[in-house]
Amino acid sequence: MNDFASSPLRNIGLGVLYVIIVSTLAVKGYEFAGWSFEDSLYMVVITVFSVGYGEVHPVVGDPFLRNLTMALIVLGCTGMIYLTGAIVQFFAMSQMRQVLGTTRMNLQIEALRHHIIICGYGRLGAQLSAELKAGQAEFIVIEQSQELCHQIRTMGMLCLHADATEEDALVKAGIVRAHTLATVVPNDAVNVFITLSARALNPSLQIIARAESPSTERKLLQAGATAVLMPAHISAEHAASLILFPQLAGTDGQSDRRRQTETDLRMMGLEMEQVIAAEGSAFAGMTVDEIERRSDGRFFIVALQHGGSKEVTRVSPDLRVSAGDGLTILGRGGRAEVLRGFALPQPETSRLAPT
């Protein structure tokens, strides 16, 4: 309330009210002296705005009109000066706030080191931002929509209003100093283009790219993506795990503790995922040791539940994974490829044979 009381908008309101009251009283005064409403209003307007076109009717010979006109000049012109100053103050402060806000944001971006850049604030981008904020990670969002940018900044997150496909936007977001870029725009072609640009600007950058179509995964990897995220596929796998393997998926009353564990792992750059080994998939029929060696250390199997069983088995290197088993895997990157290895049936010529 105090902020509003000292704001330029309140000053403008008071100025307008003051000028209206003075002008109304002056018009009534001229009408009382026998002038028409039109003449009275015209006289008030040219006097208050200091135009000085001349008197509508002589006022020198009439003491009442002379005193009324002098009062109108003093009070009306003072009110207009006050109102003009309030309007100038309003626009000046608006511009100043915009400049200071932009400057402060630029300073915050320049101070970022080893941060995360999120391209796109759709459903997936919003969820990712919320998770990173909860994990106290430093990140910035690049978003084209001015309205969404305002919402993001209102929530206390850094946002750059720009097109992520332009290299200038990536440079302004500090891509040279960044640790990870996540391009999660719901457009495969845009994600490929952003990945190419980001890889060219920072060869050591970790890039997580979203793919709607499975055929785009290879293109993103060739463009320089470190890992490809396919939301539809992963969501389906997670939903299946919730239904078929509730003990692995954390629906047995320990979901709060599990969520905290997953948050702690994400802060260390690790991800935990539940998958199901499909019939004919690359890893079905292999032992835990064989699967982990085939993955080149990208992930580890930390829990297994045989299909149809309610017990979670403690894994051992010689434990064999069968079709229909549910597994919990822990790893860093390449999750999309890992999930495909478990879930998608492989042609006979391309299956990974046990060693």
Foldseek 3Di string as FASTA:
>chain_A
DVCVCPALVVLLVVLVVQLVVLLVVQLVLVVVVPDDSVLSNVLLVCLLVVVPPDHPDDDVVPPSSVVSSVVSNVRSVVSVVSNVVSVVVNVVVVVVCVVVVVVVLLVVLVPDAQAEEEEDCDPVNVVVVVLCVVLVGAYEYEYQDPVVCVVCVVVVHHYDNDHLLDLVSCVSNPLQRYAEYEYEPPDLVSQLSSLLSSCVSHVNHAYEYEDQDPVSQVSSVVSPHQAYDHVVLQVVFLVVCCVQQVVVSPPPPCVVVVVVVQSVQVSVQKHKGKGFAAPQFQQAFEFQLQVCVVVVNQKHWQWKDAGPGNDIDGHDRGHHHHHGIMTMMMGHHHVVVVRRRRPPHDPPVPRHDGD
